[in-house]
């Protein structure tokens, strides 16, 4: 009787374990069939270490590309400094230009955000992971290079991913994990715990303005600054907030489920959202460790039709060729740039 009891317990545990494994694979999108969409008018542009985040100046057509050997950095290997590259889309033959060739500090850029002030001066905010801590570096663009202005750090900004500037010293920044320990972050990811959050820096101090996200990733806002968006990767959703431009406070508005691992958000001139995504999250994890393992790429557009109404369009997808691990898509006119977390290239497409 005793042996039968423990046998039943063991069988039950095996069934529970098998269920959890299958659920994890299903939730991560591993059983999806990837259908190729678009890409007919795209060319691969090399010359970067990666292109994790891209944003384009809406008036000048200058694309800013966040580039770093992220695989080496994540694995703790020695790597050369990263850079912000410029790619002028008004040129008939754009070339990559290193806009940060020399800096007085360690530079491993992650998410970036553009701010244009009332005098049309251009400011680029960059999440930078130094060895001692993470910072938001502020640069001013003079038309040919990025001039370093200031570094901002705070204890509450312990796991920054993307940054959205809303003033010369004011910005939102996502902490993609709520936990600070390696074990806590690992459990947070695989158990899909909604522990990450969004911080607001008012020019003096940080405060949390929204939370409960499963891996808060990209952040952006509508052209009028009154609607803010947060992409949550393991939640596979975009969270929409009403924003008070004076206080920076947010009010939850709606959640848009997309069924894919959303990454960075760019907003076009019409206010539509363009999102780079990872449809198979466990495959993406394998790719993050091994460049020979392809990870599917996907581009999603959310087109606003009116107050609270929208259409979801899947504009591009591939099995990871020619570009794996798509993390961002930036749009300017007929140009569309798709970036990658780890690949040393990006896709330049025509809409």
C-alpha atoms as a PDB file:
ATOM      1  CA  UNK A   1       0.000   0.000   0.000  1.00  0.00           C
ATOM      2  CA  UNK A   2       2.835   2.379   0.900  1.00  0.00           C
ATOM      3  CA  UNK A   3       4.615   1.753  -2.421  1.00  0.00           C
ATOM      4  CA  UNK A   4       1.392   2.249  -4.402  1.00  0.00           C
ATOM      5  CA  UNK A   5       0.796   5.552  -2.652  1.00  0.00           C
ATOM      6  CA  UNK A   6       4.237   6.917  -3.553  1.00  0.00           C
ATOM      7  CA  UNK A   7       3.896   5.567  -7.089  1.00  0.00           C
ATOM      8  CA  UNK A   8       0.674   7.554  -7.513  1.00  0.00           C
ATOM      9  CA  UNK A   9       2.356  10.658  -6.088  1.00  0.00           C
ATOM     10  CA  UNK A  10       5.287  10.259  -8.487  1.00  0.00           C
ATOM     11  CA  UNK A  11       2.989   9.801 -11.490  1.00  0.00           C
ATOM     12  CA  UNK A  12       0.962  12.849 -10.485  1.00  0.00           C
ATOM     13  CA  UNK A  13       4.123  14.953 -10.163  1.00  0.00           C
ATOM     14  CA  UNK A  14       5.311  13.791 -13.587  1.00  0.00           C
ATOM     15  CA  UNK A  15       1.982  14.779 -15.126  1.00  0.00           C
ATOM     16  CA  UNK A  16       2.138  18.189 -13.434  1.00  0.00           C
ATOM     17  CA  UNK A  17       5.718  18.706 -14.632  1.00  0.00           C
ATOM     18  CA  UNK A  18       4.819  17.670 -18.175  1.00  0.00           C
ATOM     19  CA  UNK A  19       1.843  20.049 -18.126  1.00  0.00           C
ATOM     20  CA  UNK A  20       4.011  22.957 -16.935  1.00  0.00           C
ATOM     21  CA  UNK A  21       6.639  22.264 -19.613  1.00  0.00           C
ATOM     22  CA  UNK A  22       4.016  22.089 -22.369  1.00  0.00           C
ATOM     23  CA  UNK A  23       2.334  25.253 -21.070  1.00  0.00           C
ATOM     24  CA  UNK A  24       5.678  27.079 -21.053  1.00  0.00           C
ATOM     25  CA  UNK A  25       6.380  26.045 -24.648  1.00  0.00           C
ATOM     26  CA  UNK A  26       2.868  26.994 -25.730  1.00  0.00           C
ATOM     27  CA  UNK A  27       2.938  30.367 -23.980  1.00  0.00           C
ATOM     28  CA  UNK A  28       6.356  31.074 -25.515  1.00  0.00           C
ATOM     29  CA  UNK A  29       4.919  30.479 -28.997  1.00  0.00           C
ATOM     30  CA  UNK A  30       7.114  27.469 -29.720  1.00  0.00           C
ATOM     31  CA  UNK A  31       4.315  25.568 -31.489  1.00  0.00           C
ATOM     32  CA  UNK A  32       3.568  28.398 -33.918  1.00  0.00           C
ATOM     33  CA  UNK A  33       4.049  27.954 -37.656  1.00  0.00           C
ATOM     34  CA  UNK A  34       5.886  31.000 -39.011  1.00  0.00           C
ATOM     35  CA  UNK A  35       4.501  32.224 -42.313  1.00  0.00           C
ATOM     36  CA  UNK A  36       6.751  34.475 -44.390  1.00  0.00           C
ATOM     37  CA  UNK A  37       5.177  37.913 -44.912  1.00  0.00           C
ATOM     38  CA  UNK A  38       6.736  40.860 -46.763  1.00  0.00           C
ATOM     39  CA  UNK A  39      10.454  41.395 -47.185  1.00  0.00           C
ATOM     40  CA  UNK A  40      10.404  41.489 -50.979  1.00  0.00           C
ATOM     41  CA  UNK A  41      11.820  45.023 -51.078  1.00  0.00           C
ATOM     42  CA  UNK A  42      14.333  44.762 -48.249  1.00  0.00           C
ATOM     43  CA  UNK A  43      18.120  44.811 -48.275  1.00  0.00           C
ATOM     44  CA  UNK A  44      20.433  43.766 -45.454  1.00  0.00           C
ATOM     45  CA  UNK A  45      22.778  46.508 -44.248  1.00  0.00           C
ATOM     46  CA  UNK A  46      25.872  45.371 -42.331  1.00  0.00           C
ATOM     47  CA  UNK A  47      28.489  47.435 -40.521  1.00  0.00           C
ATOM     48  CA  UNK A  48      26.933  47.556 -37.039  1.00  0.00           C
ATOM     49  CA  UNK A  49      27.571  45.293 -34.045  1.00  0.00           C
ATOM     50  CA  UNK A  50      23.797  45.043 -33.575  1.00  0.00           C
ATOM     51  CA  UNK A  51      20.778  47.309 -34.088  1.00  0.00           C
ATOM     52  CA  UNK A  52      18.702  46.695 -30.959  1.00  0.00           C
ATOM     53  CA  UNK A  53      16.917  50.036 -31.124  1.00  0.00           C
ATOM     54  CA  UNK A  54      16.407  52.518 -33.961  1.00  0.00           C
ATOM     55  CA  UNK A  55      14.640  55.857 -34.032  1.00  0.00           C
ATOM     56  CA  UNK A  56      14.352  58.369 -36.874  1.00  0.00           C
ATOM     57  CA  UNK A  57      14.237  62.164 -36.706  1.00  0.00           C
ATOM     58  CA  UNK A  58      10.784  62.998 -38.125  1.00  0.00           C
ATOM     59  CA  UNK A  59      11.979  66.175 -39.908  1.00  0.00           C
ATOM     60  CA  UNK A  60      15.493  65.371 -41.120  1.00  0.00           C
ATOM     61  CA  UNK A  61      15.268  61.632 -41.832  1.00  0.00           C
ATOM     62  CA  UNK A  62      18.390  60.886 -39.787  1.00  0.00           C
ATOM     63  CA  UNK A  63      18.157  57.400 -38.278  1.00  0.00           C
ATOM     64  CA  UNK A  64      19.905  56.774 -34.965  1.00  0.00           C
ATOM     65  CA  UNK A  65      20.925  53.147 -34.387  1.00  0.00           C
ATOM     66  CA  UNK A  66      21.884  51.679 -30.999  1.00  0.00           C
ATOM     67  CA  UNK A  67      24.698  49.194 -31.629  1.00  0.00           C
ATOM     68  CA  UNK A  68      26.659  46.934 -29.295  1.00  0.00           C
ATOM     69  CA  UNK A  69      28.091  43.422 -29.203  1.00  0.00           C
ATOM     70  CA  UNK A  70      25.258  42.474 -26.881  1.00  0.00           C
ATOM     71  CA  UNK A  71      25.903  38.725 -26.945  1.00  0.00           C
ATOM     72  CA  UNK A  72      29.456  39.224 -25.677  1.00  0.00           C
ATOM     73  CA  UNK A  73      28.297  41.780 -23.113  1.00  0.00           C
ATOM     74  CA  UNK A  74      25.462  39.581 -21.774  1.00  0.00           C
ATOM     75  CA  UNK A  75      27.828  36.602 -21.505  1.00  0.00           C
ATOM     76  CA  UNK A  76      30.396  38.688 -19.630  1.00  0.00           C
ATOM     77  CA  UNK A  77      32.996  38.452 -22.381  1.00  0.00           C
ATOM     78  CA  UNK A  78      35.388  41.223 -23.346  1.00  0.00           C
ATOM     79  CA  UNK A  79      33.847  43.365 -26.036  1.00  0.00           C
ATOM     80  CA  UNK A  80      34.642  46.600 -27.814  1.00  0.00           C
ATOM     81  CA  UNK A  81      32.622  49.699 -26.955  1.00  0.00           C
ATOM     82  CA  UNK A  82      29.240  50.099 -28.547  1.00  0.00           C
ATOM     83  CA  UNK A  83      28.163  53.096 -30.599  1.00  0.00           C
ATOM     84  CA  UNK A  84      25.276  55.145 -31.869  1.00  0.00           C
ATOM     85  CA  UNK A  85      25.328  55.148 -35.657  1.00  0.00           C
ATOM     86  CA  UNK A  86      23.714  57.649 -37.963  1.00  0.00           C
ATOM     87  CA  UNK A  87      22.071  56.601 -41.248  1.00  0.00           C
ATOM     88  CA  UNK A  88      20.818  59.552 -43.322  1.00  0.00           C
ATOM     89  CA  UNK A  89      17.715  58.456 -45.225  1.00  0.00           C
ATOM     90  CA  UNK A  90      17.644  61.644 -47.321  1.00  0.00           C
ATOM     91  CA  UNK A  91      20.835  60.530 -49.056  1.00  0.00           C
ATOM     92  CA  UNK A  92      20.586  58.559 -52.292  1.00  0.00           C
ATOM     93  CA  UNK A  93      23.212  56.183 -50.871  1.00  0.00           C
ATOM     94  CA  UNK A  94      23.140  56.368 -47.056  1.00  0.00           C
ATOM     95  CA  UNK A  95      26.256  55.237 -45.202  1.00  0.00           C
ATOM     96  CA  UNK A  96      26.697  54.368 -41.545  1.00  0.00           C
ATOM     97  CA  UNK A  97      28.481  57.035 -39.502  1.00  0.00           C
ATOM     98  CA  UNK A  98      29.687  56.497 -35.932  1.00  0.00           C
ATOM     99  CA  UNK A  99      28.237  59.449 -34.019  1.00  0.00           C
ATOM    100  CA  UNK A 100      29.963  58.512 -30.716  1.00  0.00           C
ATOM    101  CA  UNK A 101      33.555  57.630 -31.731  1.00  0.00           C
ATOM    102  CA  UNK A 102      35.104  58.784 -28.432  1.00  0.00           C
ATOM    103  CA  UNK A 103      33.409  58.981 -25.044  1.00  0.00           C
ATOM    104  CA  UNK A 104      34.851  59.466 -21.541  1.00  0.00           C
ATOM    105  CA  UNK A 105      33.063  56.395 -20.156  1.00  0.00           C
ATOM    106  CA  UNK A 106      32.204  52.765 -20.898  1.00  0.00           C
ATOM    107  CA  UNK A 107      29.502  52.597 -23.545  1.00  0.00           C
ATOM    108  CA  UNK A 108      27.080  49.699 -24.079  1.00  0.00           C
ATOM    109  CA  UNK A 109      23.904  51.300 -25.455  1.00  0.00           C
ATOM    110  CA  UNK A 110      20.492  49.663 -25.204  1.00  0.00           C
ATOM    111  CA  UNK A 111      17.191  51.526 -25.714  1.00  0.00           C
ATOM    112  CA  UNK A 112      17.222  55.044 -27.165  1.00  0.00           C
ATOM    113  CA  UNK A 113      14.732  57.907 -27.400  1.00  0.00           C
ATOM    114  CA  UNK A 114      14.632  61.170 -29.321  1.00  0.00           C
ATOM    115  CA  UNK A 115      13.497  64.545 -28.005  1.00  0.00           C
ATOM    116  CA  UNK A 116      13.110  67.679 -30.144  1.00  0.00           C
ATOM    117  CA  UNK A 117      12.663  70.865 -28.131  1.00  0.00           C
ATOM    118  CA  UNK A 118      10.789  74.069 -29.019  1.00  0.00           C
ATOM    119  CA  UNK A 119      13.862  75.490 -30.766  1.00  0.00           C
ATOM    120  CA  UNK A 120      14.213  72.323 -32.905  1.00  0.00           C
ATOM    121  CA  UNK A 121      17.336  71.234 -31.042  1.00  0.00           C
ATOM    122  CA  UNK A 122      17.735  67.441 -31.109  1.00  0.00           C
ATOM    123  CA  UNK A 123      18.474  65.429 -27.970  1.00  0.00           C
ATOM    124  CA  UNK A 124      19.130  61.696 -27.851  1.00  0.00           C
ATOM    125  CA  UNK A 125      18.677  59.774 -24.592  1.00  0.00           C
ATOM    126  CA  UNK A 126      20.472  56.417 -24.353  1.00  0.00           C
ATOM    127  CA  UNK A 127      20.199  53.593 -21.816  1.00  0.00           C
ATOM    128  CA  UNK A 128      23.819  52.633 -21.133  1.00  0.00           C
ATOM    129  CA  UNK A 129      24.914  49.567 -19.170  1.00  0.00           C
ATOM    130  CA  UNK A 130      28.277  50.348 -17.597  1.00  0.00           C
ATOM    131  CA  UNK A 131      30.102  47.822 -15.433  1.00  0.00           C
ATOM    132  CA  UNK A 132      29.301  49.668 -12.198  1.00  0.00           C
ATOM    133  CA  UNK A 133      25.641  50.511 -12.942  1.00  0.00           C
ATOM    134  CA  UNK A 134      23.190  51.540 -15.643  1.00  0.00           C
ATOM    135  CA  UNK A 135      22.738  55.149 -16.712  1.00  0.00           C
ATOM    136  CA  UNK A 136      20.665  57.270 -19.044  1.00  0.00           C
ATOM    137  CA  UNK A 137      23.158  59.261 -21.098  1.00  0.00           C
ATOM    138  CA  UNK A 138      21.937  62.520 -22.638  1.00  0.00           C
ATOM    139  CA  UNK A 139      23.420  63.774 -25.913  1.00  0.00           C
ATOM    140  CA  UNK A 140      22.703  66.753 -28.150  1.00  0.00           C
ATOM    141  CA  UNK A 141      22.957  66.191 -31.899  1.00  0.00           C
ATOM    142  CA  UNK A 142      24.658  69.016 -33.808  1.00  0.00           C
ATOM    143  CA  UNK A 143      24.057  67.597 -37.281  1.00  0.00           C
ATOM    144  CA  UNK A 144      27.265  65.605 -37.514  1.00  0.00           C
ATOM    145  CA  UNK A 145      27.922  64.073 -34.103  1.00  0.00           C
ATOM    146  CA  UNK A 146      26.364  63.482 -30.709  1.00  0.00           C
ATOM    147  CA  UNK A 147      27.758  65.833 -28.076  1.00  0.00           C
ATOM    148  CA  UNK A 148      27.704  64.326 -24.576  1.00  0.00           C
ATOM    149  CA  UNK A 149      25.739  66.440 -22.087  1.00  0.00           C
ATOM    150  CA  UNK A 150      24.941  64.492 -18.916  1.00  0.00           C
ATOM    151  CA  UNK A 151      24.620  61.098 -17.201  1.00  0.00           C
ATOM    152  CA  UNK A 152      21.691  60.269 -14.933  1.00  0.00           C
ATOM    153  CA  UNK A 153      21.615  57.332 -12.526  1.00  0.00           C
ATOM    154  CA  UNK A 154      19.326  56.272  -9.716  1.00  0.00           C
ATOM    155  CA  UNK A 155      19.008  53.219  -7.473  1.00  0.00           C
ATOM    156  CA  UNK A 156      15.420  52.661  -8.625  1.00  0.00           C
ATOM    157  CA  UNK A 157      16.647  52.317 -12.210  1.00  0.00           C
ATOM    158  CA  UNK A 158      18.152  48.861 -11.625  1.00  0.00           C
ATOM    159  CA  UNK A 159      17.174  47.095 -14.861  1.00  0.00           C
ATOM    160  CA  UNK A 160      16.566  49.755 -17.544  1.00  0.00           C
ATOM    161  CA  UNK A 161      15.642  48.694 -21.043  1.00  0.00           C
ATOM    162  CA  UNK A 162      14.128  51.565 -23.018  1.00  0.00           C
ATOM    163  CA  UNK A 163      13.837  55.312 -22.501  1.00  0.00           C
ATOM    164  CA  UNK A 164      11.299  57.914 -23.614  1.00  0.00           C
ATOM    165  CA  UNK A 165      12.444  61.545 -23.195  1.00  0.00           C
ATOM    166  CA  UNK A 166       9.755  64.176 -22.688  1.00  0.00           C
ATOM    167  CA  UNK A 167      11.992  67.140 -21.809  1.00  0.00           C
ATOM    168  CA  UNK A 168      15.660  68.097 -21.680  1.00  0.00           C
ATOM    169  CA  UNK A 169      16.079  66.202 -18.402  1.00  0.00           C
ATOM    170  CA  UNK A 170      12.724  64.436 -18.034  1.00  0.00           C
ATOM    171  CA  UNK A 171      12.058  60.903 -19.229  1.00  0.00           C
ATOM    172  CA  UNK A 172      10.278  57.602 -18.708  1.00  0.00           C
ATOM    173  CA  UNK A 173      12.329  54.416 -18.469  1.00  0.00           C
ATOM    174  CA  UNK A 174      11.263  50.774 -18.281  1.00  0.00           C
ATOM    175  CA  UNK A 175      12.738  48.408 -15.693  1.00  0.00           C
ATOM    176  CA  UNK A 176      12.328  45.078 -17.497  1.00  0.00           C
ATOM    177  CA  UNK A 177      12.533  43.146 -14.208  1.00  0.00           C
ATOM    178  CA  UNK A 178      11.159  43.855 -10.774  1.00  0.00           C
ATOM    179  CA  UNK A 179      13.651  41.545  -9.077  1.00  0.00           C
ATOM    180  CA  UNK A 180      17.305  42.488  -8.701  1.00  0.00           C
ATOM    181  CA  UNK A 181      18.878  39.047  -8.132  1.00  0.00           C
ATOM    182  CA  UNK A 182      19.773  36.692 -11.020  1.00  0.00           C
ATOM    183  CA  UNK A 183      17.594  33.925  -9.594  1.00  0.00           C
ATOM    184  CA  UNK A 184      14.682  36.289  -9.037  1.00  0.00           C
ATOM    185  CA  UNK A 185      14.907  37.580 -12.611  1.00  0.00           C
ATOM    186  CA  UNK A 186      15.072  34.044 -13.990  1.00  0.00           C
ATOM    187  CA  UNK A 187      11.970  32.994 -12.048  1.00  0.00           C
ATOM    188  CA  UNK A 188      10.241  36.179 -13.127  1.00  0.00           C
ATOM    189  CA  UNK A 189      10.800  35.329 -16.797  1.00  0.00           C
ATOM    190  CA  UNK A 190       9.962  31.623 -16.815  1.00  0.00           C
ATOM    191  CA  UNK A 191       7.040  31.854 -14.392  1.00  0.00           C
ATOM    192  CA  UNK A 192       5.724  34.866 -16.330  1.00  0.00           C
ATOM    193  CA  UNK A 193       5.518  36.989 -13.204  1.00  0.00           C
ATOM    194  CA  UNK A 194       4.283  40.534 -13.847  1.00  0.00           C
ATOM    195  CA  UNK A 195       6.814  42.295 -11.627  1.00  0.00           C
ATOM    196  CA  UNK A 196       8.393  44.882 -13.934  1.00  0.00           C
ATOM    197  CA  UNK A 197       7.438  48.549 -14.081  1.00  0.00           C
ATOM    198  CA  UNK A 198       7.823  52.013 -15.579  1.00  0.00           C
ATOM    199  CA  UNK A 199       9.679  54.865 -13.895  1.00  0.00           C
ATOM    200  CA  UNK A 200       9.387  58.606 -14.463  1.00  0.00           C
ATOM    201  CA  UNK A 201      12.315  60.976 -13.880  1.00  0.00           C
ATOM    202  CA  UNK A 202      11.054  64.522 -13.366  1.00  0.00           C
ATOM    203  CA  UNK A 203      14.488  66.142 -13.592  1.00  0.00           C
ATOM    204  CA  UNK A 204      15.246  65.580  -9.904  1.00  0.00           C
ATOM    205  CA  UNK A 205      14.145  62.105  -8.814  1.00  0.00           C
ATOM    206  CA  UNK A 206      12.627  58.817  -9.977  1.00  0.00           C
ATOM    207  CA  UNK A 207       9.184  57.508  -9.131  1.00  0.00           C
ATOM    208  CA  UNK A 208       7.202  54.490 -10.302  1.00  0.00           C
ATOM    209  CA  UNK A 209       4.211  55.519 -12.412  1.00  0.00           C
ATOM    210  CA  UNK A 210       2.971  52.143 -13.708  1.00  0.00           C
ATOM    211  CA  UNK A 211       3.629  48.479 -12.964  1.00  0.00           C
ATOM    212  CA  UNK A 212       2.425  44.917 -13.217  1.00  0.00           C
ATOM    213  CA  UNK A 213       4.073  44.188 -16.562  1.00  0.00           C
ATOM    214  CA  UNK A 214       5.566  40.899 -17.706  1.00  0.00           C
ATOM    215  CA  UNK A 215       8.999  42.114 -18.854  1.00  0.00           C
ATOM    216  CA  UNK A 216       8.422  45.818 -19.567  1.00  0.00           C
ATOM    217  CA  UNK A 217      10.354  46.558 -22.727  1.00  0.00           C
ATOM    218  CA  UNK A 218       9.710  49.375 -25.225  1.00  0.00           C
ATOM    219  CA  UNK A 219       8.044  52.653 -24.299  1.00  0.00           C
ATOM    220  CA  UNK A 220       6.745  55.439 -26.532  1.00  0.00           C
ATOM    221  CA  UNK A 221       3.912  57.946 -26.796  1.00  0.00           C
ATOM    222  CA  UNK A 222       1.479  59.511 -29.256  1.00  0.00           C
ATOM    223  CA  UNK A 223       2.572  62.594 -31.245  1.00  0.00           C
ATOM    224  CA  UNK A 224       0.520  64.879 -28.963  1.00  0.00           C
ATOM    225  CA  UNK A 225       2.126  63.377 -25.846  1.00  0.00           C
ATOM    226  CA  UNK A 226      -1.190  62.489 -24.212  1.00  0.00           C
ATOM    227  CA  UNK A 227      -1.138  58.738 -24.745  1.00  0.00           C
ATOM    228  CA  UNK A 228       1.717  56.505 -23.581  1.00  0.00           C
ATOM    229  CA  UNK A 229       2.484  52.916 -24.614  1.00  0.00           C
ATOM    230  CA  UNK A 230       4.435  50.170 -22.856  1.00  0.00           C
ATOM    231  CA  UNK A 231       5.337  46.907 -24.623  1.00  0.00           C
ATOM    232  CA  UNK A 232       5.509  43.946 -22.237  1.00  0.00           C
ATOM    233  CA  UNK A 233       7.326  40.982 -23.770  1.00  0.00           C
ATOM    234  CA  UNK A 234       6.142  38.021 -21.702  1.00  0.00           C
ATOM    235  CA  UNK A 235       2.698  39.587 -21.281  1.00  0.00           C
ATOM    236  CA  UNK A 236       2.671  39.652 -25.115  1.00  0.00           C
ATOM    237  CA  UNK A 237       0.729  42.890 -24.970  1.00  0.00           C
ATOM    238  CA  UNK A 238       0.908  46.657 -25.312  1.00  0.00           C
ATOM    239  CA  UNK A 239      -0.463  48.645 -22.378  1.00  0.00           C
ATOM    240  CA  UNK A 240      -2.008  52.027 -23.164  1.00  0.00           C
ATOM    241  CA  UNK A 241      -2.184  54.926 -20.694  1.00  0.00           C
ATOM    242  CA  UNK A 242      -3.557  58.432 -20.662  1.00  0.00           C
ATOM    243  CA  UNK A 243      -0.726  60.798 -19.794  1.00  0.00           C
ATOM    244  CA  UNK A 244      -0.766  64.112 -17.968  1.00  0.00           C
ATOM    245  CA  UNK A 245       1.950  66.143 -19.760  1.00  0.00           C
ATOM    246  CA  UNK A 246       2.393  68.467 -16.777  1.00  0.00           C
ATOM    247  CA  UNK A 247       2.858  65.966 -13.947  1.00  0.00           C
ATOM    248  CA  UNK A 248       3.939  62.916 -15.958  1.00  0.00           C
ATOM    249  CA  UNK A 249       1.273  60.840 -14.186  1.00  0.00           C
ATOM    250  CA  UNK A 250      -0.425  58.002 -16.046  1.00  0.00           C
ATOM    251  CA  UNK A 251      -3.949  56.573 -16.001  1.00  0.00           C
ATOM    252  CA  UNK A 252      -4.530  53.028 -17.346  1.00  0.00           C
ATOM    253  CA  UNK A 253      -6.574  53.056 -20.534  1.00  0.00           C
ATOM    254  CA  UNK A 254      -6.509  49.661 -22.253  1.00  0.00           C
ATOM    255  CA  UNK A 255      -4.498  46.527 -22.917  1.00  0.00           C
ATOM    256  CA  UNK A 256      -3.903  45.296 -26.467  1.00  0.00           C
ATOM    257  CA  UNK A 257      -3.035  41.594 -26.619  1.00  0.00           C
ATOM    258  CA  UNK A 258      -0.867  40.701 -29.602  1.00  0.00           C
ATOM    259  CA  UNK A 259       0.079  37.075 -28.960  1.00  0.00           C
ATOM    260  CA  UNK A 260       3.765  37.657 -29.626  1.00  0.00           C
ATOM    261  CA  UNK A 261       6.827  38.765 -27.662  1.00  0.00           C
ATOM    262  CA  UNK A 262       6.676  42.512 -28.254  1.00  0.00           C
ATOM    263  CA  UNK A 263       9.921  44.492 -27.973  1.00  0.00           C
ATOM    264  CA  UNK A 264      10.454  48.134 -28.954  1.00  0.00           C
ATOM    265  CA  UNK A 265       7.732  50.560 -30.099  1.00  0.00           C
ATOM    266  CA  UNK A 266       8.108  53.308 -32.687  1.00  0.00           C
ATOM    267  CA  UNK A 267       5.306  55.727 -33.594  1.00  0.00           C
ATOM    268  CA  UNK A 268       4.896  57.092 -37.125  1.00  0.00           C
ATOM    269  CA  UNK A 269       3.662  60.510 -38.251  1.00  0.00           C
ATOM    270  CA  UNK A 270       0.063  59.251 -38.265  1.00  0.00           C
ATOM    271  CA  UNK A 271       0.289  58.010 -34.687  1.00  0.00           C
ATOM    272  CA  UNK A 272       0.335  54.313 -35.627  1.00  0.00           C
ATOM    273  CA  UNK A 273       2.503  51.959 -33.552  1.00  0.00           C
ATOM    274  CA  UNK A 274       5.224  49.858 -35.218  1.00  0.00           C
ATOM    275  CA  UNK A 275       6.569  47.051 -33.055  1.00  0.00           C
ATOM    276  CA  UNK A 276       9.449  44.616 -33.478  1.00  0.00           C
ATOM    277  CA  UNK A 277       8.551  41.247 -31.965  1.00  0.00           C
ATOM    278  CA  UNK A 278       9.771  37.731 -31.149  1.00  0.00           C
ATOM    279  CA  UNK A 279       7.039  35.177 -31.973  1.00  0.00           C
ATOM    280  CA  UNK A 280       9.017  32.279 -30.386  1.00  0.00           C
ATOM    281  CA  UNK A 281      10.476  33.404 -27.078  1.00  0.00           C
ATOM    282  CA  UNK A 282      12.360  30.233 -26.105  1.00  0.00           C
ATOM    283  CA  UNK A 283      13.884  30.093 -29.580  1.00  0.00           C
ATOM    284  CA  UNK A 284      14.942  33.700 -29.050  1.00  0.00           C
ATOM    285  CA  UNK A 285      16.626  32.724 -25.772  1.00  0.00           C
ATOM    286  CA  UNK A 286      18.580  29.992 -27.592  1.00  0.00           C
ATOM    287  CA  UNK A 287      19.565  32.485 -30.305  1.00  0.00           C
ATOM    288  CA  UNK A 288      20.753  34.952 -27.662  1.00  0.00           C
ATOM    289  CA  UNK A 289      23.348  32.380 -26.603  1.00  0.00           C
ATOM    290  CA  UNK A 290      24.273  30.979 -30.018  1.00  0.00           C
ATOM    291  CA  UNK A 291      24.464  33.022 -33.227  1.00  0.00           C
ATOM    292  CA  UNK A 292      23.983  29.860 -35.298  1.00  0.00           C
ATOM    293  CA  UNK A 293      20.449  29.344 -33.954  1.00  0.00           C
ATOM    294  CA  UNK A 294      17.958  31.462 -35.878  1.00  0.00           C
ATOM    295  CA  UNK A 295      15.111  33.289 -34.164  1.00  0.00           C
ATOM    296  CA  UNK A 296      12.006  34.348 -36.139  1.00  0.00           C
ATOM    297  CA  UNK A 297      11.420  38.041 -36.796  1.00  0.00           C
ATOM    298  CA  UNK A 298       8.087  39.833 -36.838  1.00  0.00           C
ATOM    299  CA  UNK A 299       6.746  43.351 -37.366  1.00  0.00           C
ATOM    300  CA  UNK A 300       3.344  44.377 -36.006  1.00  0.00           C
ATOM    301  CA  UNK A 301       1.500  47.616 -36.727  1.00  0.00           C
ATOM    302  CA  UNK A 302      -1.351  48.961 -34.591  1.00  0.00           C
ATOM    303  CA  UNK A 303      -3.386  51.350 -36.711  1.00  0.00           C
ATOM    304  CA  UNK A 304      -5.712  53.669 -34.796  1.00  0.00           C
ATOM    305  CA  UNK A 305      -9.157  54.080 -36.353  1.00  0.00           C
ATOM    306  CA  UNK A 306     -10.622  56.254 -33.630  1.00  0.00           C
ATOM    307  CA  UNK A 307     -11.004  56.547 -29.890  1.00  0.00           C
ATOM    308  CA  UNK A 308     -10.251  53.103 -28.491  1.00  0.00           C
ATOM    309  CA  UNK A 309     -10.598  51.438 -31.912  1.00  0.00           C
ATOM    310  CA  UNK A 310      -7.696  49.952 -33.775  1.00  0.00           C
ATOM    311  CA  UNK A 311      -6.597  47.399 -36.347  1.00  0.00           C
ATOM    312  CA  UNK A 312      -3.712  44.966 -35.803  1.00  0.00           C
ATOM    313  CA  UNK A 313      -1.652  44.238 -38.923  1.00  0.00           C
ATOM    314  CA  UNK A 314       1.234  41.777 -39.141  1.00  0.00           C
ATOM    315  CA  UNK A 315       3.407  43.544 -41.697  1.00  0.00           C
ATOM    316  CA  UNK A 316       6.476  41.295 -41.833  1.00  0.00           C
ATOM    317  CA  UNK A 317       7.585  37.903 -40.562  1.00  0.00           C
ATOM    318  CA  UNK A 318      10.360  35.441 -41.331  1.00  0.00           C
ATOM    319  CA  UNK A 319      11.968  32.318 -39.921  1.00  0.00           C
ATOM    320  CA  UNK A 320      15.031  34.349 -38.932  1.00  0.00           C
ATOM    321  CA  UNK A 321      16.487  34.780 -42.392  1.00  0.00           C
ATOM    322  CA  UNK A 322      17.920  37.164 -43.414  1.00  0.00           C
ATOM    323  CA  UNK A 323      17.577  38.839 -39.987  1.00  0.00           C
ATOM    324  CA  UNK A 324      17.045  37.106 -36.631  1.00  0.00           C
ATOM    325  CA  UNK A 325      15.609  38.496 -33.418  1.00  0.00           C
ATOM    326  CA  UNK A 326      13.809  41.592 -34.711  1.00  0.00           C
ATOM    327  CA  UNK A 327      13.545  44.117 -31.886  1.00  0.00           C
ATOM    328  CA  UNK A 328      12.428  47.358 -33.532  1.00  0.00           C
ATOM    329  CA  UNK A 329      10.952  48.812 -36.701  1.00  0.00           C
ATOM    330  CA  UNK A 330      11.341  52.525 -37.398  1.00  0.00           C
ATOM    331  CA  UNK A 331       9.343  54.236 -40.145  1.00  0.00           C
ATOM    332  CA  UNK A 332      10.016  57.444 -42.083  1.00  0.00           C
ATOM    333  CA  UNK A 333       8.160  58.130 -45.306  1.00  0.00           C
ATOM    334  CA  UNK A 334       8.577  55.111 -47.547  1.00  0.00           C
ATOM    335  CA  UNK A 335      11.530  53.847 -45.492  1.00  0.00           C
ATOM    336  CA  UNK A 336      11.269  51.100 -42.909  1.00  0.00           C
ATOM    337  CA  UNK A 337      14.259  49.975 -40.817  1.00  0.00           C
ATOM    338  CA  UNK A 338      14.064  46.671 -38.915  1.00  0.00           C
ATOM    339  CA  UNK A 339      16.681  46.158 -36.205  1.00  0.00           C
ATOM    340  CA  UNK A 340      17.974  43.089 -34.372  1.00  0.00           C
ATOM    341  CA  UNK A 341      19.025  42.465 -30.777  1.00  0.00           C
ATOM    342  CA  UNK A 342      22.165  40.543 -31.736  1.00  0.00           C
ATOM    343  CA  UNK A 343      22.672  40.342 -35.520  1.00  0.00           C
ATOM    344  CA  UNK A 344      25.445  42.615 -36.891  1.00  0.00           C
ATOM    345  CA  UNK A 345      23.054  44.129 -39.444  1.00  0.00           C
ATOM    346  CA  UNK A 346      19.610  45.626 -40.005  1.00  0.00           C
ATOM    347  CA  UNK A 347      17.002  45.484 -42.758  1.00  0.00           C
ATOM    348  CA  UNK A 348      16.298  48.546 -44.912  1.00  0.00           C
ATOM    349  CA  UNK A 349      12.906  48.149 -46.580  1.00  0.00           C
ATOM    350  CA  UNK A 350      10.480  50.112 -48.698  1.00  0.00           C
ATOM    351  CA  UNK A 351       6.922  50.332 -47.326  1.00  0.00           C
END
